[in-house]
Amino acid sequence: MKWKISFILILALGLVISACSINQPGFTQTSKIVLRGNQLIIARNFSIPPGCILEGDIVAMGANISLSPGAMVKGNILLIGSSLESKGIIHGDLNLLAGSAVLRDGSILNGDINQLFNHVILDQKAQVIGSINSISFPGIPTERITGLITLISNRFNPQNWLKWGIIQITATSFLALIAGIWLKKRMVVMNRQIQSQPLLSWGAGVMALAIVPIVSVILIITICLSPLGLFILAALAILYLAGWIALGISAGTALQACFKTQWPYELQAFLGAFMLGITTTLIGWIPCLGWMFNILLSCIGLGSVIMTRFGSQFNHPGIKQSSVKSN
């Protein structure tokens, strides 16, 4: 039981490191060198050549790690949807969450192997000084779990950040354009709510984002009410997207006022969502704090959707009928 608790703690520590670190450059030297410090490897190859010593832990997500003969790692290795081929020496534990690992002939592991959804392959002359601890769940396909974790890991690749960021910004901008054309009155109501009562909207959004997922998970666990739980989650996702679009249109209103010009409402919606998307994408690259700031910001839009009942409450306090008609 102790090793299970240790494995969970190590996994949690690795996730924290992965959230607050950046990739270090890979080894290219052939001479003996010593590298100190923890390494976060995301969606790329990382090779330690012969004679090189790494003093620190390795956290790999969707990556391929290789240790050449004579290479040494003085620390623990955590693989999340990653692969490892070792012909060297590891002074620490090998922890795996899906993926694959092979210890070749001549490799030495001076620690334990803790594996979940994975089975380490040991060549005949590979040495493991510690114990091998495995957690498996009958009926759960390991390959699918591995593929899902690898897909999520690749999402954190900086190159994929840029690609998916462009796709998301473009998609939400066109959705805002469509909303500005077909749902103009509702968008105006939600924008007025954001402008008149931003703190109240933010509070309502935070409460919804904190409570609704918990209630949905409880319903899903009950099995018989799982369709209702899934429906509530889907509804929350739609409301979240609508709130984000409304927030983008509000940004367009502020942008229009900044330039002291008058744009068609549809163009205002498109440009506002586009600028909001670029800004939040850049903020999201800030380690640890970026994603948290974006979620808290999006709660303003989510709250406006909830408080105005998806923009249908035209007589909401602080929203003038003339403002809705004029827009």
Foldseek 3Di string as FASTA:
>chain_A
DVVVVVLVVVVVVLVQCLLFDDADDADDDQDADEAEDEGEAFQEEHEDHANYEYEYEYEYFLYEYEYYDNYEYAEEYEYFLYEYEYQYEYNEEYEYEAHEYEDEANYEYNYEYEYELYDYHYDPRYYYNYYYHYDYDPPDNSVVNSVVRSVVRNCPPPVNLVVVLVVVLQVLLVVLLVCCVPVVLLLLQLLLCCVQPLPQLLVQLVVCVVPLLVVLVVLCVVVVSNVVSVVSVVVLVVLLSQLLLSQLLNQLVVVCVVVVHDDRSSVSSNVSSNVVSVVLSVLCVNRPCSVVVVSSVSSSRSSSCVQCVSSVNCVPPSHDVVSSVVD
